[in-house]
């Protein structure tokens, strides 16, 4: 549910940092960081700057890749016979 909560928060509020997400959802930063890493691996989020360009201490803002999330939603709906 943490990952879904992060996606929902970012969709409703726009790009945010780990700390902003942590405060808004009242979830510890390490939990948010782990979930963000998983969401980035599945390409459901986009980071600014891209993670391979981040310098130490630089803030990273995350946003939802709406096309990827919509595609996943459609695939899930089809798989469970809801769409």
N, C-alpha and C. Protein backbone atom coordinates (compact mmCIF):
# COMPACT_ATOMS: atom_id res chain seq x y z
N UNK A 1 0.81 -1.20 0.00
CA UNK A 1 0.00 0.00 0.00
C UNK A 1 0.85 1.27 0.00
N UNK A 2 2.09 1.18 0.46
CA UNK A 2 2.96 2.36 0.47
C UNK A 2 3.18 2.86 -0.95
N UNK A 3 3.49 1.94 -1.86
CA UNK A 3 3.76 2.36 -3.24
C UNK A 3 2.53 2.98 -3.88
N UNK A 4 1.37 2.39 -3.65
CA UNK A 4 0.13 2.96 -4.19
C UNK A 4 -0.12 4.34 -3.58
N UNK A 5 0.17 4.50 -2.30
CA UNK A 5 0.00 5.78 -1.64
C UNK A 5 0.92 6.84 -2.23
N UNK A 6 2.15 6.45 -2.53
CA UNK A 6 3.11 7.38 -3.15
C UNK A 6 2.62 7.80 -4.53
N UNK A 7 2.18 6.85 -5.32
CA UNK A 7 1.66 7.18 -6.66
C UNK A 7 0.47 8.11 -6.53
N UNK A 8 -0.45 7.80 -5.64
CA UNK A 8 -1.63 8.65 -5.44
C UNK A 8 -1.25 10.06 -5.00
N UNK A 9 -0.31 10.16 -4.07
CA UNK A 9 0.13 11.47 -3.60
C UNK A 9 0.75 12.27 -4.74
N UNK A 10 1.64 11.64 -5.49
CA UNK A 10 2.31 12.36 -6.58
C UNK A 10 1.33 12.75 -7.69
N UNK A 11 0.37 11.91 -7.96
CA UNK A 11 -0.63 12.25 -8.98
C UNK A 11 -1.47 13.45 -8.54
N UNK A 12 -1.78 13.51 -7.26
CA UNK A 12 -2.62 14.59 -6.75
C UNK A 12 -1.85 15.89 -6.51
N UNK A 13 -0.57 15.76 -6.17
CA UNK A 13 0.19 16.94 -5.73
C UNK A 13 1.35 17.33 -6.63
N UNK A 14 1.66 16.53 -7.62
CA UNK A 14 2.77 16.85 -8.50
C UNK A 14 4.10 16.41 -7.92
N UNK A 15 5.18 16.78 -8.58
CA UNK A 15 6.52 16.33 -8.19
C UNK A 15 6.85 16.67 -6.74
N UNK A 16 7.59 15.74 -6.10
CA UNK A 16 7.97 15.93 -4.71
C UNK A 16 9.26 15.17 -4.41
N UNK A 17 9.96 15.61 -3.36
CA UNK A 17 11.16 14.92 -2.90
C UNK A 17 10.78 13.80 -1.93
N UNK A 18 11.78 12.96 -1.59
CA UNK A 18 11.54 11.90 -0.61
C UNK A 18 11.03 12.48 0.70
N UNK A 19 11.66 13.55 1.16
CA UNK A 19 11.26 14.16 2.43
C UNK A 19 9.83 14.69 2.38
N UNK A 20 9.46 15.33 1.28
CA UNK A 20 8.10 15.86 1.14
C UNK A 20 7.07 14.73 1.15
N UNK A 21 7.39 13.66 0.45
CA UNK A 21 6.49 12.50 0.41
C UNK A 21 6.38 11.89 1.81
N UNK A 22 7.51 11.76 2.48
CA UNK A 22 7.54 11.19 3.83
C UNK A 22 6.67 12.00 4.78
N UNK A 23 6.81 13.31 4.76
CA UNK A 23 6.01 14.18 5.64
C UNK A 23 4.53 14.08 5.31
N UNK A 24 4.20 14.13 4.05
CA UNK A 24 2.79 14.15 3.64
C UNK A 24 2.09 12.84 3.98
N UNK A 25 2.78 11.73 3.79
CA UNK A 25 2.16 10.42 4.02
C UNK A 25 2.44 9.87 5.42
N UNK A 26 3.25 10.62 6.19
CA UNK A 26 3.62 10.20 7.55
C UNK A 26 4.23 8.80 7.55
N UNK A 27 5.20 8.63 6.66
CA UNK A 27 5.94 7.37 6.50
C UNK A 27 7.42 7.70 6.67
N UNK A 28 8.18 6.85 7.36
CA UNK A 28 9.61 7.12 7.53
C UNK A 28 10.34 7.26 6.18
N UNK A 29 11.31 8.16 6.13
CA UNK A 29 12.07 8.41 4.90
C UNK A 29 12.69 7.12 4.34
N UNK A 30 13.30 6.24 5.16
CA UNK A 30 13.86 5.01 4.59
C UNK A 30 12.82 4.14 3.89
N UNK A 31 11.60 4.11 4.43
CA UNK A 31 10.53 3.34 3.79
C UNK A 31 10.15 3.96 2.45
N UNK A 32 10.06 5.29 2.43
CA UNK A 32 9.76 6.00 1.19
C UNK A 32 10.87 5.76 0.17
N UNK A 33 12.12 5.85 0.61
CA UNK A 33 13.25 5.66 -0.30
C UNK A 33 13.22 4.28 -0.94
N UNK A 34 12.95 3.27 -0.14
CA UNK A 34 12.89 1.89 -0.66
C UNK A 34 11.75 1.75 -1.68
N UNK A 35 10.62 2.33 -1.37
CA UNK A 35 9.47 2.26 -2.28
C UNK A 35 9.72 3.05 -3.56
N UNK A 36 10.36 4.21 -3.44
CA UNK A 36 10.69 5.00 -4.63
C UNK A 36 11.64 4.22 -5.53
N UNK A 37 12.62 3.54 -4.94
CA UNK A 37 13.56 2.75 -5.74
C UNK A 37 12.82 1.66 -6.51
N UNK A 38 11.88 1.00 -5.85
CA UNK A 38 11.10 -0.05 -6.53
C UNK A 38 10.25 0.54 -7.65
N UNK A 39 9.63 1.68 -7.39
CA UNK A 39 8.80 2.32 -8.42
C UNK A 39 9.63 2.83 -9.59
N UNK A 40 10.84 3.26 -9.32
CA UNK A 40 11.74 3.68 -10.40
C UNK A 40 12.17 2.47 -11.23
N UNK A 41 12.44 1.35 -10.57
CA UNK A 41 12.84 0.13 -11.28
C UNK A 41 11.74 -0.33 -12.23
N UNK A 42 10.50 -0.19 -11.80
CA UNK A 42 9.37 -0.59 -12.65
C UNK A 42 8.95 0.51 -13.62
N UNK A 43 9.68 1.62 -13.58
CA UNK A 43 9.48 2.76 -14.49
C UNK A 43 8.10 3.41 -14.37
N UNK A 44 7.55 3.38 -13.16
CA UNK A 44 6.29 4.06 -12.92
C UNK A 44 6.49 5.50 -12.49
N UNK A 45 7.72 5.85 -12.12
CA UNK A 45 8.06 7.21 -11.73
C UNK A 45 9.19 7.73 -12.61
N UNK A 46 9.28 9.04 -12.67
CA UNK A 46 10.36 9.72 -13.38
C UNK A 46 11.02 10.64 -12.37
N UNK A 47 12.35 10.65 -12.35
CA UNK A 47 13.06 11.53 -11.42
C UNK A 47 13.64 12.72 -12.17
N UNK A 48 13.75 13.83 -11.44
CA UNK A 48 14.36 15.04 -11.97
C UNK A 48 15.33 15.56 -10.93
N UNK A 49 16.61 15.50 -11.18
CA UNK A 49 17.27 15.02 -12.40
C UNK A 49 17.24 13.49 -12.48
N UNK A 50 17.54 12.95 -13.67
CA UNK A 50 17.62 11.48 -13.78
C UNK A 50 18.61 10.94 -12.75
N UNK A 51 18.31 9.79 -12.18
CA UNK A 51 19.13 9.25 -11.09
C UNK A 51 20.58 9.03 -11.48
N UNK A 52 20.84 8.74 -12.75
CA UNK A 52 22.24 8.52 -13.15
C UNK A 52 23.02 9.83 -13.28
N UNK A 53 22.34 10.96 -13.09
CA UNK A 53 23.01 12.27 -13.15
C UNK A 53 23.04 13.00 -11.81
N UNK A 54 22.52 12.36 -10.76
CA UNK A 54 22.43 13.00 -9.46
C UNK A 54 23.81 13.08 -8.80
N UNK A 55 24.10 14.26 -8.26
CA UNK A 55 25.33 14.45 -7.48
C UNK A 55 24.98 14.31 -6.01
N UNK A 56 25.96 13.96 -5.21
CA UNK A 56 25.74 13.78 -3.78
C UNK A 56 25.16 15.06 -3.18
N UNK A 57 24.13 14.90 -2.39
CA UNK A 57 23.50 16.03 -1.73
C UNK A 57 22.45 16.76 -2.56
N UNK A 58 22.33 16.39 -3.82
CA UNK A 58 21.37 17.05 -4.70
C UNK A 58 19.96 16.52 -4.44
N UNK A 59 19.00 17.40 -4.41
CA UNK A 59 17.61 16.98 -4.22
C UNK A 59 17.06 16.39 -5.51
N UNK A 60 16.31 15.32 -5.35
CA UNK A 60 15.67 14.66 -6.49
C UNK A 60 14.16 14.79 -6.29
N UNK A 61 13.49 15.22 -7.33
CA UNK A 61 12.03 15.30 -7.32
C UNK A 61 11.49 14.16 -8.17
N UNK A 62 10.44 13.54 -7.67
CA UNK A 62 9.83 12.40 -8.35
C UNK A 62 8.45 12.79 -8.84
N UNK A 63 8.10 12.26 -10.00
CA UNK A 63 6.74 12.46 -10.53
C UNK A 63 6.28 11.16 -11.17
N UNK A 64 5.00 11.03 -11.33
CA UNK A 64 4.41 9.82 -11.90
C UNK A 64 4.56 9.85 -13.42
N UNK A 65 4.92 8.71 -13.98
CA UNK A 65 4.87 8.53 -15.43
C UNK A 65 3.44 8.09 -15.73
N UNK A 66 2.60 9.06 -16.03
CA UNK A 66 1.16 8.79 -16.20
C UNK A 66 0.88 7.71 -17.24
N UNK A 67 1.61 7.72 -18.33
CA UNK A 67 1.38 6.72 -19.38
C UNK A 67 1.68 5.31 -18.85
N UNK A 68 2.78 5.16 -18.12
CA UNK A 68 3.16 3.85 -17.58
C UNK A 68 2.15 3.36 -16.55
N UNK A 69 1.69 4.26 -15.67
CA UNK A 69 0.72 3.88 -14.65
C UNK A 69 -0.62 3.51 -15.30
N UNK A 70 -1.04 4.27 -16.29
CA UNK A 70 -2.30 3.96 -16.98
C UNK A 70 -2.21 2.62 -17.69
N UNK A 71 -1.06 2.35 -18.32
CA UNK A 71 -0.86 1.06 -18.99
C UNK A 71 -0.91 -0.08 -17.99
N UNK A 72 -0.25 0.07 -16.84
CA UNK A 72 -0.27 -0.96 -15.82
C UNK A 72 -1.69 -1.20 -15.32
N UNK A 73 -2.43 -0.12 -15.12
CA UNK A 73 -3.81 -0.21 -14.66
C UNK A 73 -4.67 -1.00 -15.67
N UNK A 74 -4.49 -0.69 -16.94
CA UNK A 74 -5.25 -1.41 -17.98
C UNK A 74 -4.88 -2.89 -18.03
N UNK A 75 -3.60 -3.18 -17.92
CA UNK A 75 -3.15 -4.57 -17.93
C UNK A 75 -3.71 -5.33 -16.73
N UNK A 76 -3.70 -4.71 -15.57
CA UNK A 76 -4.25 -5.35 -14.38
C UNK A 76 -5.74 -5.58 -14.54
N UNK A 77 -6.45 -4.58 -15.02
CA UNK A 77 -7.89 -4.72 -15.23
C UNK A 77 -8.23 -5.84 -16.19
N UNK A 78 -7.46 -5.96 -17.25
CA UNK A 78 -7.68 -7.04 -18.21
C UNK A 78 -7.35 -8.39 -17.60
N UNK A 79 -6.28 -8.46 -16.83
CA UNK A 79 -5.86 -9.72 -16.23
C UNK A 79 -6.88 -10.26 -15.24
N UNK A 80 -7.57 -9.36 -14.53
CA UNK A 80 -8.55 -9.83 -13.54
C UNK A 80 -9.98 -9.78 -14.08
N UNK A 81 -10.11 -9.46 -15.36
CA UNK A 81 -11.42 -9.48 -16.00
C UNK A 81 -12.32 -8.31 -15.67
N UNK A 82 -11.73 -7.21 -15.24
CA UNK A 82 -12.54 -6.03 -14.89
C UNK A 82 -12.69 -5.07 -16.06
N UNK A 83 -11.84 -5.18 -17.07
CA UNK A 83 -11.92 -4.27 -18.23
C UNK A 83 -12.13 -5.06 -19.49
